[in-house]
């Protein structure tokens, strides 16, 4: 593949785009590495690393997914060859990054952790230094400042082993486990040891600690603010953390600081949260470019924590969602929560389309309605209640994080007051009749194990419209949702998992293939889908 730029120019433009500003010594090292690389016939591990990095940059910038795949294959070939030749740690780190980029997050995490441990000895005990190479980081989901900070730190490092440790920690920090359990928190502590002066690492560690009920997370938030005193996200995190503690005076202090700074940034959505009252029932975060999303004002909410920390939702299927939905479509989002999928869809269907957001929890319904109001999204209809296989009422069991709330059936009498909400339930078929919907193009279901009931109440939608369906395959600690898979197959659907970056749907051909996939995509078998973006 030929590029319009030479490999060295490609890398310099990559650094320029990421706003990386380096000291003269680091610039000299990079220039020497680029000039000393035999781009057409690389042989050393450093040369192979550099060839792979430029190929990854070309892949990132390529809009054609098939050409992107060619560049990715070039990068993988060079990285594997370098590992076979010398085990060069920077190539091992870039391999883990590529694996994570293409959706194999758990595999990337496992390989990165193993290589991280094996790199410690040579990184801290070996002499002389291992030659450094050039470095690639994929674009962050929300904060370009974070990419800038990380690239700057890694490229200022003189040793290839030290560079690799920082890259390995980056892979570990992007594990989806970070906000769910103590394993992810452990990886963040590793990153903080390697990058103690990183405001973004301290922010992430602070929020993750607080999400896991470790109140010492406040220390890391305060450290983050010292490092980045005018960062709106850090001030918002401090405000919400003290609200969660019930310390409204301290929360008000950080809200006031936010208001003072917001007066100089009145156009930016990053500061809109500071315009609310200290005891507001919602908070605001910028989302999906120009949407101001109302979220629950608590770091106990997974969505609130993730969006403040990452700037975007972490699930790989969000890439599919944004590429698949087109102007004028009708979309139903079951289990909308506060609307990360709802409002991504709304931005794409436009005012000629329609989005129905189905959500039973009153706190999330409030957020959905506020987002519609403040963004004037008249084509989004908030449907309060639970989708099911019947019309009537149901009980919604309330969890510490609202994302885990679930409809319960059975021994409802044993439930204690305050642990549930009584909600209306309805079939999706009755919903589309009520809302006078005559087409459904896309259906998303995240119902914490209630997905089969939702589908059983959607007979007309499935038979008359055959929508694309995205559903949660694994809810909490539960295993794969085999019953839903079998039901959809019986309805003439083919199941797929999504491979990000390459934009491919990978067929699910057995129950074993279901394992490890948080979400699955179901397409009517009469259609042929492979490349999407």
Protein backbone atom coordinates (compact mmCIF):
# COMPACT_ATOMS: atom_id res chain seq x y z
CA UNK A 1 0.00 0.00 0.00
CA UNK A 2 1.26 3.47 -0.89
CA UNK A 3 0.70 6.53 1.27
CA UNK A 4 0.74 10.16 0.17
CA UNK A 5 3.38 10.78 2.89
CA UNK A 6 6.71 9.16 3.57
CA UNK A 7 6.76 7.03 6.75
CA UNK A 8 8.71 9.66 8.75
CA UNK A 9 6.34 12.42 7.61
CA UNK A 10 3.37 10.21 8.51
CA UNK A 11 4.65 9.85 12.06
CA UNK A 12 5.45 13.53 12.51
CA UNK A 13 1.95 14.44 11.31
CA UNK A 14 0.50 11.88 13.73
CA UNK A 15 2.29 13.59 16.63
CA UNK A 16 1.19 17.01 15.40
CA UNK A 17 -2.44 15.89 15.21
CA UNK A 18 -2.20 14.54 18.77
CA UNK A 19 -0.73 17.89 19.93
CA UNK A 20 2.41 16.20 21.26
CA UNK A 21 5.16 18.68 22.16
CA UNK A 22 8.46 17.09 23.13
CA UNK A 23 11.77 18.26 24.50
CA UNK A 24 14.68 18.59 22.06
CA UNK A 25 16.37 15.40 23.26
CA UNK A 26 13.24 13.31 22.68
CA UNK A 27 12.71 14.87 19.25
CA UNK A 28 16.28 14.00 18.36
CA UNK A 29 15.78 10.37 19.41
CA UNK A 30 12.63 10.06 17.32
CA UNK A 31 14.28 11.64 14.28
CA UNK A 32 17.25 9.29 14.58
CA UNK A 33 14.95 6.27 14.90
CA UNK A 34 12.90 7.28 11.86
CA UNK A 35 15.95 8.09 9.74
CA UNK A 36 17.69 4.88 10.77
CA UNK A 37 14.77 2.63 9.77
CA UNK A 38 14.96 0.64 6.56
CA UNK A 39 11.29 1.00 5.65
CA UNK A 40 11.39 -1.29 2.63
CA UNK A 41 13.49 -4.03 4.23
CA UNK A 42 13.29 -3.85 8.02
CA UNK A 43 15.35 -6.42 9.88
CA UNK A 44 15.95 -5.28 13.45
CA UNK A 45 13.22 -5.35 16.10
CA UNK A 46 13.22 -1.55 16.37
CA UNK A 47 12.81 -1.19 12.61
CA UNK A 48 9.95 -3.71 12.58
CA UNK A 49 8.30 -1.85 15.46
CA UNK A 50 8.53 1.43 13.55
CA UNK A 51 7.11 -0.10 10.37
CA UNK A 52 4.20 -1.51 12.40
CA UNK A 53 3.51 1.83 14.08
CA UNK A 54 3.27 3.69 10.76
CA UNK A 55 1.00 0.95 9.38
CA UNK A 56 -1.28 1.37 12.40
CA UNK A 57 -1.43 5.12 11.84
CA UNK A 58 -2.33 4.57 8.19
CA UNK A 59 -5.02 2.08 9.25
CA UNK A 60 -6.51 4.54 11.73
CA UNK A 61 -6.75 7.27 9.10
CA UNK A 62 -8.22 5.02 6.40
CA UNK A 63 -11.99 5.21 5.87
CA UNK A 64 -12.16 2.10 3.66
CA UNK A 65 -12.46 -0.87 6.05
CA UNK A 66 -10.96 -3.35 3.58
CA UNK A 67 -7.86 -1.18 3.08
CA UNK A 68 -7.74 -0.63 6.83
CA UNK A 69 -7.56 -4.40 7.24
CA UNK A 70 -4.59 -4.58 4.87
CA UNK A 71 -2.67 -2.00 6.91
CA UNK A 72 -3.56 -3.85 10.10
CA UNK A 73 -2.25 -7.11 8.64
CA UNK A 74 1.00 -5.33 7.69
CA UNK A 75 1.38 -4.12 11.25
CA UNK A 76 0.68 -7.54 12.74
CA UNK A 77 3.15 -9.23 10.38
CA UNK A 78 5.92 -6.83 11.40
CA UNK A 79 5.13 -7.13 15.12
CA UNK A 80 5.03 -10.94 15.10
CA UNK A 81 8.31 -11.07 13.21
CA UNK A 82 9.97 -8.72 15.70
CA UNK A 83 8.76 -10.80 18.65
CA UNK A 84 10.12 -13.95 17.02
CA UNK A 85 13.47 -12.28 16.35
CA UNK A 86 14.12 -10.76 19.76
CA UNK A 87 11.04 -10.47 21.95
CA UNK A 88 11.43 -6.68 21.76
CA UNK A 89 9.08 -5.44 24.52
CA UNK A 90 7.71 -2.48 22.59
CA UNK A 91 6.44 -4.86 19.90
CA UNK A 92 4.77 -7.04 22.54
CA UNK A 93 3.05 -3.93 23.87
CA UNK A 94 1.87 -2.84 20.42
CA UNK A 95 0.57 -6.37 19.80
CA UNK A 96 -1.55 -6.13 22.95
CA UNK A 97 -2.86 -2.74 21.81
CA UNK A 98 -3.90 -4.13 18.41
CA UNK A 99 -5.67 -7.09 20.03
CA UNK A 100 -7.59 -4.69 22.27
CA UNK A 101 -8.47 -2.37 19.37
CA UNK A 102 -10.09 -5.25 17.49
CA UNK A 103 -12.34 -6.18 20.39
CA UNK A 104 -10.47 -8.95 22.21
CA UNK A 105 -10.19 -6.95 25.41
CA UNK A 106 -9.79 -9.86 27.80
CA UNK A 107 -7.09 -11.46 25.64
CA UNK A 108 -5.31 -8.10 25.40
CA UNK A 109 -5.48 -7.66 29.15
CA UNK A 110 -4.12 -11.14 29.87
CA UNK A 111 -1.22 -10.86 27.41
CA UNK A 112 -0.39 -7.33 28.57
CA UNK A 113 -0.30 -8.33 32.23
CA UNK A 114 1.92 -11.35 31.57
CA UNK A 115 4.31 -9.31 29.43
CA UNK A 116 4.24 -6.48 32.00
CA UNK A 117 5.47 -8.84 34.74
CA UNK A 118 8.19 -10.29 32.48
CA UNK A 119 9.38 -6.80 31.52
CA UNK A 120 9.91 -5.57 35.09
CA UNK A 121 13.27 -7.30 35.59
CA UNK A 122 15.00 -5.99 32.44
CA UNK A 123 13.34 -2.58 32.81
CA UNK A 124 14.74 -1.99 36.27
CA UNK A 125 17.90 -4.12 36.34
CA UNK A 126 19.39 -4.30 32.84
CA UNK A 127 22.26 -2.27 31.45
CA UNK A 128 22.71 -0.78 28.95
CA UNK A 129 19.38 0.77 27.98
CA UNK A 130 17.31 -0.91 25.27
CA UNK A 131 16.86 1.31 22.20
CA UNK A 132 13.52 3.14 22.25
CA UNK A 133 11.20 3.12 19.26
CA UNK A 134 8.32 5.20 18.00
CA UNK A 135 4.97 4.62 19.69
CA UNK A 136 1.34 4.32 18.64
CA UNK A 137 -1.75 4.85 20.77
CA UNK A 138 -5.26 4.52 19.33
CA UNK A 139 -7.49 7.58 19.64
CA UNK A 140 -9.22 7.96 22.97
CA UNK A 141 -12.97 7.61 23.02
CA UNK A 142 -13.55 11.07 24.37
CA UNK A 143 -10.51 12.96 25.59
CA UNK A 144 -7.78 13.79 23.09
CA UNK A 145 -5.90 15.45 25.98
CA UNK A 146 -5.39 12.02 27.51
CA UNK A 147 -3.77 10.69 24.31
CA UNK A 148 -1.55 13.74 24.18
CA UNK A 149 -0.43 13.29 27.78
CA UNK A 150 0.31 9.57 27.43
CA UNK A 151 2.20 9.87 24.15
CA UNK A 152 4.28 12.71 25.54
CA UNK A 153 5.24 10.71 28.63
CA UNK A 154 6.13 7.56 26.67
CA UNK A 155 8.17 9.34 24.00
CA UNK A 156 10.12 11.32 26.58
CA UNK A 157 11.32 7.96 27.96
CA UNK A 158 14.80 6.91 26.87
CA UNK A 159 14.49 3.13 27.27
CA UNK A 160 12.47 0.68 25.18
CA UNK A 161 11.59 -1.43 28.23
CA UNK A 162 10.30 1.60 30.13
CA UNK A 163 8.25 2.60 27.08
CA UNK A 164 6.77 -0.91 26.97
CA UNK A 165 5.77 -0.81 30.65
CA UNK A 166 3.83 2.40 30.05
CA UNK A 167 2.13 0.91 27.00
CA UNK A 168 1.25 -2.27 28.89
CA UNK A 169 -0.31 -0.18 31.65
CA UNK A 170 -2.38 1.64 29.03
CA UNK A 171 -3.82 -1.67 27.79
CA UNK A 172 -4.62 -2.71 31.36
CA UNK A 173 -6.27 0.63 32.15
CA UNK A 174 -8.61 0.27 29.18
CA UNK A 175 -9.93 -3.07 30.40
CA UNK A 176 -13.74 -3.06 30.68
CA UNK A 177 -13.21 -4.52 34.17
CA UNK A 178 -11.96 -1.22 35.57
CA UNK A 179 -15.38 0.02 36.68
CA UNK A 180 -16.84 -3.35 37.57
CA UNK A 181 -14.51 -5.13 39.97
CA UNK A 182 -11.32 -5.02 42.00
CA UNK A 183 -9.17 -6.55 39.24
CA UNK A 184 -9.54 -3.42 37.14
CA UNK A 185 -8.80 -1.26 40.16
CA UNK A 186 -5.60 -3.24 40.69
CA UNK A 187 -4.47 -2.39 37.15
CA UNK A 188 -5.16 1.30 37.74
CA UNK A 189 -2.95 1.24 40.82
CA UNK A 190 -0.17 -0.17 38.62
CA UNK A 191 -0.68 2.66 36.14
CA UNK A 192 -0.58 5.22 38.94
CA UNK A 193 2.75 3.83 40.13
CA UNK A 194 4.18 4.25 36.62
CA UNK A 195 2.53 7.62 35.93
CA UNK A 196 2.09 9.37 39.30
CA UNK A 197 2.04 12.79 37.63
CA UNK A 198 -0.78 11.93 35.25
CA UNK A 199 -3.94 13.84 36.04
CA UNK A 200 -6.03 11.49 33.94
CA UNK A 201 -4.71 8.33 35.59
CA UNK A 202 -5.40 9.82 39.04
CA UNK A 203 -8.91 10.83 37.93
CA UNK A 204 -9.64 7.34 36.67
CA UNK A 205 -8.19 5.70 39.79
CA UNK A 206 -10.18 8.04 42.03
CA UNK A 207 -13.51 7.38 40.33
CA UNK A 208 -12.91 3.64 40.09
CA UNK A 209 -12.01 3.50 43.80
CA UNK A 210 -15.16 5.38 44.77
CA UNK A 211 -17.26 3.18 42.47
CA UNK A 212 -15.91 0.21 44.43
CA UNK A 213 -16.85 1.86 47.76
CA UNK A 214 -13.24 2.78 48.57
CA UNK A 215 -13.49 6.34 49.86
CA UNK A 216 -9.73 6.86 49.68
CA UNK A 217 -10.51 7.52 46.03
CA UNK A 218 -10.99 11.13 47.15
CA UNK A 219 -7.21 11.36 47.58
CA UNK A 220 -6.64 10.55 43.90
CA UNK A 221 -9.29 13.04 42.79
CA UNK A 222 -7.57 15.78 44.80
CA UNK A 223 -4.22 14.77 43.29
CA UNK A 224 -5.79 14.95 39.82
CA UNK A 225 -7.06 18.47 40.55
CA UNK A 226 -3.61 19.59 41.71
CA UNK A 227 -2.18 18.34 38.42
CA UNK A 228 -5.01 19.73 36.24
CA UNK A 229 -6.58 22.54 38.31
CA UNK A 230 -8.87 23.81 35.54
CA UNK A 231 -10.22 20.47 34.29
CA UNK A 232 -14.02 20.50 34.44
CA UNK A 233 -14.35 16.71 34.65
CA UNK A 234 -12.15 16.53 37.74
CA UNK A 235 -14.08 19.29 39.50
CA UNK A 236 -17.35 17.56 38.59
CA UNK A 237 -16.04 14.26 39.99
CA UNK A 238 -15.12 15.96 43.28
CA UNK A 239 -18.56 17.58 43.46
CA UNK A 240 -20.33 14.25 42.89
CA UNK A 241 -18.06 12.34 45.28
CA UNK A 242 -18.84 14.70 48.16
CA UNK A 243 -22.54 14.57 47.27
CA UNK A 244 -22.38 10.79 47.56
CA UNK A 245 -20.83 11.23 51.02
CA UNK A 246 -23.67 13.56 52.02
CA UNK A 247 -21.23 16.44 52.52
CA UNK A 248 -23.14 19.14 50.64
CA UNK A 249 -20.95 22.00 51.89
CA UNK A 250 -17.85 20.38 50.35
CA UNK A 251 -19.83 19.48 47.24
CA UNK A 252 -20.93 23.10 46.98
CA UNK A 253 -17.31 24.27 47.14
CA UNK A 254 -16.41 22.31 44.00
CA UNK A 255 -19.63 23.35 42.31
CA UNK A 256 -18.72 26.97 43.03
CA UNK A 257 -15.21 26.44 41.60
CA UNK A 258 -16.81 24.98 38.51
CA UNK A 259 -19.11 27.98 38.16
CA UNK A 260 -16.20 30.40 38.42
CA UNK A 261 -14.34 28.61 35.62
CA UNK A 262 -17.48 28.06 33.52
CA UNK A 263 -17.88 31.82 33.18
CA UNK A 264 -14.78 31.74 30.97
CA UNK A 265 -16.02 28.67 29.07
CA UNK A 266 -19.70 29.43 28.66
CA UNK A 267 -19.94 27.84 25.20
CA UNK A 268 -18.35 24.53 26.21
CA UNK A 269 -20.65 21.66 27.22
CA UNK A 270 -17.95 20.50 29.66
CA UNK A 271 -19.09 23.11 32.18
CA UNK A 272 -22.88 22.93 31.95
CA UNK A 273 -23.02 20.72 35.06
CA UNK A 274 -21.82 23.69 37.11
CA UNK A 275 -24.96 25.69 36.24
CA UNK A 276 -27.17 23.30 38.24
CA UNK A 277 -28.02 23.52 41.94
CA UNK A 278 -25.97 21.55 44.46
CA UNK A 279 -28.88 19.16 45.17
CA UNK A 280 -30.05 18.84 41.56
CA UNK A 281 -31.66 15.52 40.62
CA UNK A 282 -29.46 15.30 37.51
CA UNK A 283 -25.99 16.24 36.36
CA UNK A 284 -24.78 16.93 32.81
CA UNK A 285 -21.99 15.44 30.69
CA UNK A 286 -21.14 16.18 27.03
CA UNK A 287 -21.75 13.16 24.83
CA UNK A 288 -21.45 12.11 21.20
CA UNK A 289 -20.12 15.45 19.97
CA UNK A 290 -23.00 17.88 20.51
CA UNK A 291 -25.44 16.17 22.91
CA UNK A 292 -25.69 17.38 26.52
CA UNK A 293 -26.62 14.22 28.38
CA UNK A 294 -28.46 14.30 31.70
CA UNK A 295 -27.09 11.61 34.01
CA UNK A 296 -27.63 10.53 37.60
CA UNK A 297 -25.65 12.84 39.92
CA UNK A 298 -23.68 10.04 41.57
CA UNK A 299 -20.46 8.13 40.98
CA UNK A 300 -22.37 4.99 41.99
CA UNK A 301 -23.86 5.15 38.49
CA UNK A 302 -21.65 3.24 36.07
CA UNK A 303 -22.74 5.46 33.18
CA UNK A 304 -21.92 8.67 35.05
CA UNK A 305 -18.52 7.34 36.13
CA UNK A 306 -17.57 6.03 32.69
CA UNK A 307 -18.65 9.14 30.78
CA UNK A 308 -16.83 11.52 33.11
CA UNK A 309 -13.67 9.41 32.97
CA UNK A 310 -13.64 8.27 29.34
CA UNK A 311 -15.81 10.79 27.53
CA UNK A 312 -17.74 8.00 25.80
CA UNK A 313 -19.38 4.64 26.45
CA UNK A 314 -16.98 1.69 26.54
CA UNK A 315 -18.89 -1.09 24.75
CA UNK A 316 -17.41 -1.99 21.37
CA UNK A 317 -20.90 -2.31 19.86
CA UNK A 318 -21.31 1.46 20.11
CA UNK A 319 -19.13 1.70 16.99
CA UNK A 320 -21.51 -0.65 15.16
CA UNK A 321 -24.53 1.27 16.43
CA UNK A 322 -23.21 4.57 15.13
CA UNK A 323 -22.26 3.18 11.73
CA UNK A 324 -25.45 1.18 11.19
CA UNK A 325 -28.13 3.72 12.11
CA UNK A 326 -29.06 6.07 9.28
CA UNK A 327 -31.25 9.18 8.84
CA UNK A 328 -34.99 8.51 8.90
CA UNK A 329 -34.79 5.16 10.73
CA UNK A 330 -37.06 4.10 13.59
CA UNK A 331 -35.15 2.72 16.59
CA UNK A 332 -36.39 1.15 19.83
CA UNK A 333 -34.01 1.15 22.80
CA UNK A 334 -35.24 -1.24 25.51
CA UNK A 335 -33.49 -0.71 28.82
CA UNK A 336 -32.37 2.76 27.75
CA UNK A 337 -30.97 3.73 31.16
CA UNK A 338 -29.98 7.41 30.74
CA UNK A 339 -29.69 7.09 26.98
CA UNK A 340 -26.17 6.49 25.66
CA UNK A 341 -27.63 4.38 22.86
CA UNK A 342 -30.87 6.37 22.66
CA UNK A 343 -29.22 9.70 21.96
CA UNK A 344 -26.48 8.29 19.74
CA UNK A 345 -29.38 6.97 17.64
CA UNK A 346 -31.25 10.28 17.87
CA UNK A 347 -28.26 12.18 16.47
CA UNK A 348 -28.21 9.86 13.46
CA UNK A 349 -31.89 9.34 12.60
CA UNK A 350 -32.50 13.10 12.70
CA UNK A 351 -35.89 14.77 12.96
CA UNK A 352 -37.25 12.65 10.12
CA UNK A 353 -36.66 9.52 12.19
CA UNK A 354 -37.97 8.26 15.50
CA UNK A 355 -36.42 6.81 18.67
CA UNK A 356 -38.49 5.11 21.39
CA UNK A 357 -36.59 4.92 24.69
CA UNK A 358 -38.10 2.26 26.98
CA UNK A 359 -36.95 2.53 30.60
CA UNK A 360 -38.64 1.42 33.86
CA UNK A 361 -36.48 3.16 36.51
CA UNK A 362 -37.87 6.56 37.52
CA UNK A 363 -34.42 8.12 38.05
CA UNK A 364 -33.34 7.22 34.52
CA UNK A 365 -36.68 8.30 33.05
CA UNK A 366 -36.08 11.72 34.61
CA UNK A 367 -32.68 11.92 32.94
CA UNK A 368 -34.03 10.84 29.55
CA UNK A 369 -36.76 13.47 29.68
CA UNK A 370 -34.28 16.17 30.69
CA UNK A 371 -31.91 15.31 27.82
CA UNK A 372 -34.81 15.53 25.37
CA UNK A 373 -35.82 18.89 26.82
CA UNK A 374 -32.44 20.58 26.94
CA UNK A 375 -31.42 19.36 23.45
CA UNK A 376 -34.90 19.87 21.93
CA UNK A 377 -35.08 16.29 20.62
CA UNK A 378 -38.76 16.10 19.76
CA UNK A 379 -38.28 12.90 17.75
CA UNK A 380 -37.27 10.95 20.88
CA UNK A 381 -40.18 9.49 22.84
CA UNK A 382 -39.49 8.43 26.42
CA UNK A 383 -41.67 5.41 27.26
CA UNK A 384 -41.68 4.90 31.03
CA UNK A 385 -42.12 1.24 31.92
CA UNK A 386 -40.70 -2.21 31.29
CA UNK A 387 -40.98 -4.08 28.00
CA UNK A 388 -42.21 -7.63 28.62
CA UNK A 389 -44.43 -10.42 27.27
CA UNK A 390 -47.61 -8.95 28.79
CA UNK A 391 -49.36 -5.72 29.66
CA UNK A 392 -49.78 -4.97 33.35
CA UNK A 393 -47.45 -4.21 36.25
CA UNK A 394 -44.16 -5.62 37.48
CA UNK A 395 -41.56 -5.05 40.18
CA UNK A 396 -38.18 -3.59 39.39
CA UNK A 397 -35.53 -4.71 41.90
CA UNK A 398 -33.22 -1.78 42.67
CA UNK A 399 -29.45 -2.31 42.82
CA UNK A 400 -26.60 -0.11 44.04
CA UNK A 401 -25.88 0.79 40.40
CA UNK A 402 -29.05 1.50 38.45
CA UNK A 403 -27.60 -0.19 35.36
CA UNK A 404 -28.13 -3.52 37.18
CA UNK A 405 -31.80 -2.99 38.10
CA UNK A 406 -33.90 -5.95 36.96
CA UNK A 407 -37.50 -7.08 36.63
CA UNK A 408 -38.21 -9.83 39.16
CA UNK A 409 -40.84 -12.53 39.08
CA UNK A 410 -41.75 -15.13 41.66
CA UNK A 411 -41.61 -14.45 45.40
CA UNK A 412 -42.47 -10.78 45.16
CA UNK A 413 -44.14 -10.72 48.59
CA UNK A 414 -40.75 -11.25 50.25
CA UNK A 415 -39.32 -8.04 48.80
CA UNK A 416 -38.79 -5.28 51.36
CA UNK A 417 -40.12 -1.78 50.85
CA UNK A 418 -37.52 0.50 49.30
CA UNK A 419 -35.78 -2.33 47.45
CA UNK A 420 -38.05 -2.14 44.40
CA UNK A 421 -40.24 0.10 42.27
CA UNK A 422 -43.68 -0.89 41.04
CA UNK A 423 -43.68 -0.21 37.29
CA UNK A 424 -46.03 -0.70 34.40
CA UNK A 425 -45.06 -3.30 31.81
CA UNK A 426 -46.17 -3.69 28.21
CA UNK A 427 -45.36 -5.60 25.05
CA UNK A 428 -43.43 -3.83 22.32
CA UNK A 429 -46.20 -4.80 19.91
CA UNK A 430 -48.69 -2.83 22.03
CA UNK A 431 -46.21 0.03 22.29
CA UNK A 432 -45.81 0.49 18.55
CA UNK A 433 -49.58 0.33 18.16
CA UNK A 434 -50.02 3.01 20.81
CA UNK A 435 -47.31 5.21 19.28
CA UNK A 436 -48.58 4.57 15.73
CA UNK A 437 -45.19 3.25 14.58
CA UNK A 438 -45.37 1.56 11.17
CA UNK A 439 -41.74 0.45 10.85
CA UNK A 440 -38.91 -0.64 13.14
CA UNK A 441 -35.40 -0.77 11.71
CA UNK A 442 -33.27 -1.36 14.81
CA UNK A 443 -34.12 -2.86 18.20
CA UNK A 444 -31.73 -2.82 21.17
CA UNK A 445 -32.51 -4.87 24.29
CA UNK A 446 -30.63 -4.54 27.58
CA UNK A 447 -33.04 -5.93 30.16
CA UNK A 448 -30.76 -7.69 32.67
CA UNK A 449 -31.97 -11.21 31.87
CA UNK A 450 -35.51 -10.27 30.78
CA UNK A 451 -34.61 -10.22 27.08
CA UNK A 452 -36.58 -13.35 26.15
CA UNK A 453 -39.78 -11.92 27.63
CA UNK A 454 -39.23 -8.74 25.63
CA UNK A 455 -38.89 -10.74 22.40
CA UNK A 456 -41.93 -12.87 23.18
CA UNK A 457 -43.94 -9.64 23.33
CA UNK A 458 -42.61 -8.49 19.96
CA UNK A 459 -44.12 -11.00 17.52
CA UNK A 460 -45.47 -8.40 15.09
CA UNK A 461 -42.20 -6.45 15.10
CA UNK A 462 -40.17 -9.56 14.34
CA UNK A 463 -42.44 -10.95 11.64
CA UNK A 464 -43.54 -7.73 9.92
CA UNK A 465 -40.38 -5.60 10.18
CA UNK A 466 -37.45 -8.01 10.76
CA UNK A 467 -35.31 -5.34 12.44
CA UNK A 468 -31.64 -5.59 13.21
CA UNK A 469 -31.46 -6.59 16.90
CA UNK A 470 -28.68 -5.89 19.35
CA UNK A 471 -29.11 -7.55 22.73
CA UNK A 472 -27.27 -8.20 25.97
CA UNK A 473 -25.91 -11.74 25.99
CA UNK A 474 -24.37 -11.61 29.48
CA UNK A 475 -26.05 -9.80 32.38
CA UNK A 476 -23.98 -9.36 35.53
CA UNK A 477 -22.62 -12.67 36.78
CA UNK A 478 -25.03 -14.69 34.66
CA UNK A 479 -23.77 -16.85 31.82
CA UNK A 480 -24.58 -16.57 28.13
CA UNK A 481 -28.24 -16.04 27.28
CA UNK A 482 -28.66 -19.28 25.33
CA UNK A 483 -32.47 -19.12 25.44
CA UNK A 484 -32.51 -15.80 23.57
CA UNK A 485 -30.01 -17.07 21.01
CA UNK A 486 -32.11 -20.16 20.31
CA UNK A 487 -35.29 -18.09 20.09
CA UNK A 488 -33.84 -15.66 17.57
CA UNK A 489 -32.43 -18.48 15.44
CA UNK A 490 -35.89 -20.08 15.42
CA UNK A 491 -37.25 -16.75 14.14
CA UNK A 492 -34.92 -16.79 11.13
CA UNK A 493 -32.08 -14.68 12.52
CA UNK A 494 -28.32 -15.18 12.23
CA UNK A 495 -26.26 -14.15 15.26
CA UNK A 496 -23.00 -12.20 15.13
CA UNK A 497 -20.45 -10.62 17.41
CA UNK A 498 -18.94 -7.32 16.33
CA UNK A 499 -15.26 -6.75 15.63
CA UNK A 500 -14.46 -3.06 16.08
CA UNK A 501 -11.93 -1.08 14.08
CA UNK A 502 -12.32 -3.48 11.14
CA UNK A 503 -16.11 -3.08 11.19
CA UNK A 504 -16.89 -6.77 10.71
CA UNK A 505 -19.70 -9.01 11.90
CA UNK A 506 -18.32 -12.40 12.95
CA UNK A 507 -20.91 -15.23 12.72
CA UNK A 508 -21.93 -17.13 15.87
CA UNK A 509 -22.23 -20.78 14.85
CA UNK A 510 -22.56 -22.60 18.18
CA UNK A 511 -23.42 -22.14 21.84
CA UNK A 512 -19.69 -22.13 22.56
CA UNK A 513 -19.30 -19.05 20.34
CA UNK A 514 -21.64 -17.17 22.66
CA UNK A 515 -19.13 -17.30 25.50
CA UNK A 516 -17.47 -14.06 26.51
CA UNK A 517 -19.59 -11.78 24.31
CA UNK A 518 -21.33 -9.09 26.33
CA UNK A 519 -23.59 -8.08 23.44
CA UNK A 520 -24.65 -9.85 20.26
CA UNK A 521 -26.18 -8.66 17.01
CA UNK A 522 -28.96 -10.55 15.22
CA UNK A 523 -29.69 -10.06 11.52
CA UNK A 524 -32.43 -11.64 9.37
CA UNK A 525 -30.79 -14.51 7.46
CA UNK A 526 -32.05 -13.31 4.10
CA UNK A 527 -29.62 -10.39 4.35
CA UNK A 528 -25.89 -10.61 3.88
CA UNK A 529 -23.74 -8.59 6.27
CA UNK A 530 -19.99 -8.53 6.67
CA UNK A 531 -18.23 -5.17 6.32
CA UNK A 532 -20.01 -2.29 8.00
CA UNK A 533 -17.68 0.68 8.21
